[in-house]
Amino acid sequence: MSNKQILIIDDDPDQRLSLRLPLESAGYIVHEAANTAQGLVAVKQVKPDLIILDVMMDTATAGFQLALDLHSPDPKSEYKEFRRTPIIMLTAIHSTTPLRFAPDEDYLPVEIFLEKPVEPEALLAKIKELLGE
């Protein structure tokens, strides 16, 4: 069993539950936040090994800004200790806009971009890969 901590930041309680169940079954310790403000507080409290992040929450691009804040290269950033914490961006944004997004070190600093809905097995495989398990 893993003792790795995963933080889910998503405004949809059903989505959080659908992610929580397979993660806990796989032995992960799961924490949740329902918006960006809660997410920023939870990151400092939990110090997660990995973050699963939604895009469209408080605003249509809230998740993008949160990822930028957490992975900021600024040495004075209050989140500098989380700069290397892997982020999986899990979103349905591609079904609601013609724009396409992918990980980018400067503009979208996440490790993996996945479309909702995601199969639990596929998500678990990506998590294990990112955590080196």
N, C-alpha and C. Protein backbone atom coordinates (compact mmCIF):
# COMPACT_ATOMS: atom_id res chain seq x y z
N MET A 1 0.83 -1.19 0.00
CA MET A 1 0.00 0.00 0.00
C MET A 1 0.87 1.25 0.00
N SER A 2 0.44 2.23 -0.76
CA SER A 2 1.16 3.49 -0.84
C SER A 2 0.74 4.39 0.32
N ASN A 3 1.66 5.23 0.76
CA ASN A 3 1.28 6.24 1.75
C ASN A 3 1.41 7.63 1.13
N LYS A 4 1.45 7.67 -0.19
CA LYS A 4 1.56 8.93 -0.92
C LYS A 4 0.25 9.70 -0.79
N GLN A 5 0.39 11.02 -0.70
CA GLN A 5 -0.77 11.88 -0.54
C GLN A 5 -1.10 12.58 -1.86
N ILE A 6 -2.37 12.52 -2.23
CA ILE A 6 -2.85 13.14 -3.45
C ILE A 6 -3.91 14.16 -3.08
N LEU A 7 -3.78 15.34 -3.67
CA LEU A 7 -4.76 16.41 -3.47
C LEU A 7 -5.56 16.58 -4.75
N ILE A 8 -6.88 16.46 -4.64
CA ILE A 8 -7.79 16.69 -5.76
C ILE A 8 -8.37 18.09 -5.59
N ILE A 9 -8.19 18.94 -6.61
CA ILE A 9 -8.77 20.29 -6.58
C ILE A 9 -9.75 20.36 -7.75
N ASP A 10 -11.03 20.31 -7.41
CA ASP A 10 -12.08 20.28 -8.43
C ASP A 10 -13.37 20.79 -7.77
N ASP A 11 -14.13 21.61 -8.48
CA ASP A 11 -15.35 22.17 -7.90
C ASP A 11 -16.54 21.22 -7.94
N ASP A 12 -16.42 20.10 -8.63
CA ASP A 12 -17.52 19.15 -8.78
C ASP A 12 -17.38 18.03 -7.74
N PRO A 13 -18.28 17.99 -6.74
CA PRO A 13 -18.16 16.96 -5.70
C PRO A 13 -18.28 15.54 -6.25
N ASP A 14 -19.09 15.34 -7.30
CA ASP A 14 -19.21 14.01 -7.90
C ASP A 14 -17.89 13.60 -8.55
N GLN A 15 -17.23 14.54 -9.20
CA GLN A 15 -15.94 14.26 -9.82
C GLN A 15 -14.90 13.91 -8.76
N ARG A 16 -14.89 14.66 -7.67
CA ARG A 16 -13.95 14.37 -6.59
C ARG A 16 -14.18 12.96 -6.04
N LEU A 17 -15.45 12.60 -5.86
CA LEU A 17 -15.76 11.27 -5.35
C LEU A 17 -15.34 10.19 -6.34
N SER A 18 -15.61 10.41 -7.62
CA SER A 18 -15.24 9.40 -8.62
C SER A 18 -13.73 9.22 -8.74
N LEU A 19 -12.97 10.22 -8.36
CA LEU A 19 -11.51 10.10 -8.33
C LEU A 19 -11.04 9.49 -7.01
N ARG A 20 -11.66 9.93 -5.93
CA ARG A 20 -11.25 9.49 -4.59
C ARG A 20 -11.34 7.97 -4.44
N LEU A 21 -12.43 7.37 -4.86
CA LEU A 21 -12.66 5.95 -4.61
C LEU A 21 -11.56 5.05 -5.18
N PRO A 22 -11.22 5.15 -6.47
CA PRO A 22 -10.14 4.28 -6.97
C PRO A 22 -8.77 4.63 -6.39
N LEU A 23 -8.54 5.90 -6.08
CA LEU A 23 -7.26 6.28 -5.49
C LEU A 23 -7.10 5.68 -4.09
N GLU A 24 -8.14 5.77 -3.29
CA GLU A 24 -8.08 5.18 -1.95
C GLU A 24 -7.97 3.65 -2.04
N SER A 25 -8.67 3.06 -3.00
CA SER A 25 -8.58 1.60 -3.18
C SER A 25 -7.16 1.18 -3.54
N ALA A 26 -6.44 2.08 -4.22
CA ALA A 26 -5.05 1.80 -4.60
C ALA A 26 -4.08 2.13 -3.46
N GLY A 27 -4.60 2.63 -2.33
CA GLY A 27 -3.76 2.87 -1.17
C GLY A 27 -3.29 4.30 -0.98
N TYR A 28 -3.74 5.21 -1.82
CA TYR A 28 -3.33 6.61 -1.67
C TYR A 28 -4.15 7.30 -0.59
N ILE A 29 -3.54 8.28 0.05
CA ILE A 29 -4.24 9.13 1.01
C ILE A 29 -4.74 10.32 0.21
N VAL A 30 -6.05 10.52 0.19
CA VAL A 30 -6.65 11.52 -0.68
C VAL A 30 -7.21 12.68 0.13
N HIS A 31 -6.90 13.89 -0.34
CA HIS A 31 -7.43 15.12 0.24
C HIS A 31 -8.17 15.85 -0.88
N GLU A 32 -9.10 16.71 -0.50
CA GLU A 32 -9.91 17.42 -1.50
C GLU A 32 -9.98 18.91 -1.22
N ALA A 33 -10.13 19.67 -2.31
CA ALA A 33 -10.42 21.09 -2.23
C ALA A 33 -11.41 21.40 -3.35
N ALA A 34 -12.36 22.30 -3.07
CA ALA A 34 -13.45 22.58 -4.01
C ALA A 34 -13.23 23.82 -4.88
N ASN A 35 -12.16 24.56 -4.62
CA ASN A 35 -11.89 25.75 -5.45
C ASN A 35 -10.42 26.13 -5.30
N THR A 36 -10.01 27.16 -6.00
CA THR A 36 -8.59 27.52 -5.98
C THR A 36 -8.13 28.01 -4.60
N ALA A 37 -8.94 28.80 -3.92
CA ALA A 37 -8.55 29.30 -2.59
C ALA A 37 -8.35 28.13 -1.63
N GLN A 38 -9.30 27.20 -1.61
CA GLN A 38 -9.17 26.02 -0.76
C GLN A 38 -7.96 25.19 -1.19
N GLY A 39 -7.74 25.11 -2.48
CA GLY A 39 -6.62 24.34 -3.02
C GLY A 39 -5.29 24.89 -2.56
N LEU A 40 -5.12 26.21 -2.59
CA LEU A 40 -3.87 26.82 -2.16
C LEU A 40 -3.61 26.60 -0.66
N VAL A 41 -4.67 26.65 0.13
CA VAL A 41 -4.54 26.38 1.57
C VAL A 41 -4.18 24.91 1.78
N ALA A 42 -4.89 24.02 1.08
CA ALA A 42 -4.67 22.58 1.24
C ALA A 42 -3.26 22.17 0.82
N VAL A 43 -2.73 22.78 -0.22
CA VAL A 43 -1.38 22.45 -0.66
C VAL A 43 -0.39 22.69 0.47
N LYS A 44 -0.52 23.82 1.14
CA LYS A 44 0.41 24.13 2.24
C LYS A 44 0.21 23.20 3.44
N GLN A 45 -1.05 22.83 3.71
CA GLN A 45 -1.33 21.97 4.86
C GLN A 45 -0.94 20.52 4.60
N VAL A 46 -1.31 20.01 3.43
CA VAL A 46 -1.14 18.60 3.11
C VAL A 46 0.28 18.29 2.61
N LYS A 47 0.86 19.21 1.85
CA LYS A 47 2.14 18.97 1.17
C LYS A 47 2.04 17.69 0.33
N PRO A 48 1.13 17.71 -0.65
CA PRO A 48 0.84 16.49 -1.41
C PRO A 48 2.03 16.03 -2.27
N ASP A 49 2.03 14.73 -2.54
CA ASP A 49 3.02 14.16 -3.45
C ASP A 49 2.62 14.38 -4.90
N LEU A 50 1.32 14.62 -5.13
CA LEU A 50 0.78 14.82 -6.48
C LEU A 50 -0.54 15.57 -6.36
N ILE A 51 -0.84 16.38 -7.36
CA ILE A 51 -2.08 17.15 -7.39
C ILE A 51 -2.85 16.80 -8.67
N ILE A 52 -4.14 16.56 -8.51
CA ILE A 52 -5.05 16.42 -9.65
C ILE A 52 -5.88 17.69 -9.68
N LEU A 53 -5.81 18.41 -10.79
CA LEU A 53 -6.35 19.76 -10.85
C LEU A 53 -7.32 19.93 -12.01
N ASP A 54 -8.48 20.50 -11.72
CA ASP A 54 -9.47 20.88 -12.73
C ASP A 54 -9.08 22.24 -13.28
N VAL A 55 -9.58 22.59 -14.46
CA VAL A 55 -9.32 23.92 -15.04
C VAL A 55 -10.44 24.88 -14.69
N MET A 56 -11.66 24.52 -15.06
CA MET A 56 -12.79 25.45 -14.93
C MET A 56 -13.44 25.30 -13.56
N MET A 57 -13.11 26.26 -12.67
CA MET A 57 -13.69 26.25 -11.32
C MET A 57 -14.25 27.63 -11.04
N ASP A 58 -13.55 28.42 -10.22
CA ASP A 58 -14.01 29.77 -9.89
C ASP A 58 -14.18 30.61 -11.18
N THR A 59 -13.25 30.42 -12.11
CA THR A 59 -13.30 31.08 -13.42
C THR A 59 -13.01 30.00 -14.46
N ALA A 60 -13.14 30.36 -15.73
CA ALA A 60 -12.92 29.40 -16.81
C ALA A 60 -11.47 28.94 -16.90
N THR A 61 -10.56 29.71 -16.31
CA THR A 61 -9.14 29.36 -16.39
C THR A 61 -8.47 29.27 -15.01
N ALA A 62 -9.24 29.09 -13.97
CA ALA A 62 -8.71 29.09 -12.60
C ALA A 62 -7.61 28.05 -12.41
N GLY A 63 -7.78 26.87 -12.98
CA GLY A 63 -6.77 25.82 -12.83
C GLY A 63 -5.45 26.18 -13.48
N PHE A 64 -5.52 26.88 -14.62
CA PHE A 64 -4.29 27.32 -15.27
C PHE A 64 -3.51 28.25 -14.34
N GLN A 65 -4.21 29.21 -13.74
CA GLN A 65 -3.54 30.15 -12.85
C GLN A 65 -2.98 29.46 -11.62
N LEU A 66 -3.72 28.51 -11.09
CA LEU A 66 -3.26 27.77 -9.93
C LEU A 66 -1.97 27.01 -10.26
N ALA A 67 -1.93 26.36 -11.41
CA ALA A 67 -0.72 25.64 -11.83
C ALA A 67 0.45 26.60 -11.97
N LEU A 68 0.19 27.77 -12.54
CA LEU A 68 1.26 28.77 -12.67
C LEU A 68 1.76 29.23 -11.30
N ASP A 69 0.85 29.43 -10.37
CA ASP A 69 1.24 29.84 -9.01
C ASP A 69 2.09 28.77 -8.33
N LEU A 70 1.65 27.52 -8.43
CA LEU A 70 2.35 26.44 -7.74
C LEU A 70 3.71 26.13 -8.36
N HIS A 71 3.84 26.25 -9.65
CA HIS A 71 5.09 25.92 -10.34
C HIS A 71 5.87 27.16 -10.75
N SER A 72 5.60 28.26 -10.11
CA SER A 72 6.30 29.50 -10.42
C SER A 72 7.81 29.35 -10.22
N PRO A 73 8.61 29.84 -11.17
CA PRO A 73 10.06 29.79 -11.00
C PRO A 73 10.58 30.89 -10.08
N ASP A 74 9.72 31.80 -9.65
CA ASP A 74 10.12 32.91 -8.79
C ASP A 74 10.64 32.37 -7.45
N PRO A 75 11.91 32.64 -7.11
CA PRO A 75 12.45 32.13 -5.85
C PRO A 75 11.76 32.72 -4.61
N LYS A 76 11.01 33.80 -4.80
CA LYS A 76 10.29 34.41 -3.68
C LYS A 76 8.84 33.93 -3.57
N SER A 77 8.44 33.04 -4.47
CA SER A 77 7.07 32.53 -4.45
C SER A 77 6.79 31.83 -3.13
N GLU A 78 5.61 32.10 -2.57
CA GLU A 78 5.24 31.44 -1.32
C GLU A 78 4.98 29.94 -1.53
N TYR A 79 4.92 29.51 -2.78
CA TYR A 79 4.67 28.10 -3.11
C TYR A 79 5.91 27.42 -3.69
N LYS A 80 7.10 28.02 -3.51
CA LYS A 80 8.31 27.50 -4.14
C LYS A 80 8.61 26.05 -3.77
N GLU A 81 8.21 25.61 -2.57
CA GLU A 81 8.48 24.23 -2.19
C GLU A 81 7.64 23.22 -2.98
N PHE A 82 6.64 23.71 -3.70
CA PHE A 82 5.77 22.82 -4.48
C PHE A 82 6.07 22.87 -5.99
N ARG A 83 7.14 23.57 -6.33
CA ARG A 83 7.50 23.77 -7.74
C ARG A 83 7.64 22.45 -8.49
N ARG A 84 8.10 21.42 -7.80
CA ARG A 84 8.33 20.12 -8.44
C ARG A 84 7.23 19.10 -8.13
N THR A 85 6.18 19.52 -7.44
CA THR A 85 5.07 18.60 -7.17
C THR A 85 4.34 18.34 -8.48
N PRO A 86 4.24 17.08 -8.90
CA PRO A 86 3.57 16.79 -10.18
C PRO A 86 2.09 17.20 -10.14
N ILE A 87 1.65 17.77 -11.26
CA ILE A 87 0.24 18.15 -11.42
C ILE A 87 -0.32 17.43 -12.63
N ILE A 88 -1.43 16.75 -12.41
CA ILE A 88 -2.21 16.18 -13.51
C ILE A 88 -3.40 17.10 -13.70
N MET A 89 -3.50 17.70 -14.86
CA MET A 89 -4.64 18.57 -15.15
C MET A 89 -5.71 17.69 -15.80
N LEU A 90 -6.83 17.58 -15.11
CA LEU A 90 -7.93 16.74 -15.54
C LEU A 90 -9.12 17.64 -15.81
N THR A 91 -9.54 17.72 -17.07
CA THR A 91 -10.55 18.71 -17.41
C THR A 91 -11.41 18.29 -18.60
N ALA A 92 -12.52 18.98 -18.74
CA ALA A 92 -13.40 18.80 -19.90
C ALA A 92 -13.35 20.03 -20.80
N ILE A 93 -12.33 20.86 -20.64
CA ILE A 93 -12.27 22.13 -21.37
C ILE A 93 -12.26 21.92 -22.89
N HIS A 94 -11.67 20.83 -23.35
CA HIS A 94 -11.63 20.60 -24.80
C HIS A 94 -13.01 20.31 -25.38
N SER A 95 -13.95 19.90 -24.54
CA SER A 95 -15.30 19.66 -25.05
C SER A 95 -16.14 20.94 -25.02
N THR A 96 -15.63 22.00 -24.39
CA THR A 96 -16.40 23.24 -24.29
C THR A 96 -15.80 24.39 -25.07
N THR A 97 -14.60 24.20 -25.62
CA THR A 97 -13.95 25.26 -26.38
C THR A 97 -13.14 24.64 -27.52
N PRO A 98 -13.00 25.36 -28.62
CA PRO A 98 -12.20 24.82 -29.73
C PRO A 98 -10.69 24.94 -29.46
N LEU A 99 -10.31 25.66 -28.43
CA LEU A 99 -8.89 25.80 -28.10
C LEU A 99 -8.34 24.47 -27.60
N ARG A 100 -7.05 24.22 -27.86
CA ARG A 100 -6.41 23.00 -27.41
C ARG A 100 -5.24 23.35 -26.51
N PHE A 101 -5.10 22.59 -25.43
CA PHE A 101 -4.07 22.86 -24.44
C PHE A 101 -3.24 21.61 -24.22
N ALA A 102 -1.99 21.83 -23.87
CA ALA A 102 -1.07 20.74 -23.55
C ALA A 102 -0.05 21.29 -22.55
N PRO A 103 0.63 20.39 -21.85
CA PRO A 103 1.64 20.86 -20.91
C PRO A 103 2.69 21.75 -21.60
N ASP A 104 3.06 22.82 -20.92
CA ASP A 104 4.07 23.75 -21.42
C ASP A 104 4.76 24.35 -20.20
N GLU A 105 6.07 24.25 -20.16
CA GLU A 105 6.82 24.69 -18.98
C GLU A 105 6.53 26.13 -18.58
N ASP A 106 6.34 27.01 -19.56
CA ASP A 106 6.14 28.43 -19.27
C ASP A 106 4.67 28.82 -19.09
N TYR A 107 3.79 28.22 -19.87
CA TYR A 107 2.39 28.68 -19.89
C TYR A 107 1.41 27.74 -19.22
N LEU A 108 1.72 26.47 -19.20
CA LEU A 108 0.85 25.48 -18.56
C LEU A 108 1.72 24.43 -17.90
N PRO A 109 2.32 24.80 -16.75
CA PRO A 109 3.32 23.94 -16.11
C PRO A 109 2.72 22.76 -15.35
N VAL A 110 2.21 21.81 -16.12
CA VAL A 110 1.68 20.58 -15.55
C VAL A 110 2.40 19.42 -16.24
N GLU A 111 2.37 18.26 -15.60
CA GLU A 111 3.06 17.11 -16.18
C GLU A 111 2.20 16.40 -17.22
N ILE A 112 0.92 16.30 -16.94
CA ILE A 112 0.02 15.57 -17.84
C ILE A 112 -1.31 16.31 -17.93
N PHE A 113 -1.88 16.32 -19.12
CA PHE A 113 -3.18 16.92 -19.38
C PHE A 113 -4.10 15.79 -19.83
N LEU A 114 -5.14 15.48 -19.04
CA LEU A 114 -6.08 14.41 -19.36
C LEU A 114 -7.49 14.95 -19.51
N GLU A 115 -8.23 14.35 -20.42
CA GLU A 115 -9.63 14.72 -20.65
C GLU A 115 -10.55 13.95 -19.72
N LYS A 116 -11.57 14.65 -19.19
CA LYS A 116 -12.65 14.00 -18.46
C LYS A 116 -13.62 13.41 -19.47
N PRO A 117 -14.23 12.32 -19.19
CA PRO A 117 -13.94 11.43 -18.08
C PRO A 117 -12.70 10.59 -18.38
N VAL A 118 -12.00 10.20 -17.34
CA VAL A 118 -10.80 9.38 -17.48
C VAL A 118 -11.06 8.04 -16.79
N GLU A 119 -10.61 6.98 -17.43
CA GLU A 119 -10.76 5.65 -16.83
C GLU A 119 -9.85 5.56 -15.61
N PRO A 120 -10.35 5.01 -14.51
CA PRO A 120 -9.53 4.92 -13.29
C PRO A 120 -8.18 4.23 -13.51
N GLU A 121 -8.18 3.17 -14.33
CA GLU A 121 -6.93 2.44 -14.57
C GLU A 121 -5.91 3.32 -15.27
N ALA A 122 -6.37 4.13 -16.23
CA ALA A 122 -5.47 5.03 -16.95
C ALA A 122 -4.92 6.10 -16.02
N LEU A 123 -5.77 6.64 -15.16
CA LEU A 123 -5.33 7.65 -14.21
C LEU A 123 -4.33 7.06 -13.23
N LEU A 124 -4.62 5.89 -12.70
CA LEU A 124 -3.71 5.25 -11.75
C LEU A 124 -2.35 4.96 -12.39
N ALA A 125 -2.36 4.56 -13.65
CA ALA A 125 -1.10 4.29 -14.35
C ALA A 125 -0.27 5.56 -14.47
N LYS A 126 -0.90 6.68 -14.79
CA LYS A 126 -0.19 7.96 -14.90
C LYS A 126 0.34 8.40 -13.54
N ILE A 127 -0.46 8.22 -12.51
CA ILE A 127 -0.03 8.59 -11.15
C ILE A 127 1.19 7.78 -10.75
N LYS A 128 1.14 6.46 -10.96
CA LYS A 128 2.27 5.61 -10.59
C LYS A 128 3.52 6.00 -11.37
N GLU A 129 3.33 6.34 -12.62
CA GLU A 129 4.47 6.79 -13.44
C GLU A 129 5.09 8.06 -12.87
N LEU A 130 4.25 9.05 -12.56
CA LEU A 130 4.75 10.32 -12.05
C LEU A 130 5.38 10.19 -10.66
N LEU A 131 4.88 9.26 -9.86
CA LEU A 131 5.42 9.08 -8.51
C LEU A 131 6.56 8.06 -8.47
N GLY A 132 6.89 7.51 -9.62
CA GLY A 132 7.99 6.56 -9.68
C GLY A 132 7.69 5.24 -8.98
N GLU A 133 6.44 4.83 -9.04
CA GLU A 133 6.04 3.58 -8.36
C GLU A 133 5.98 2.43 -9.36
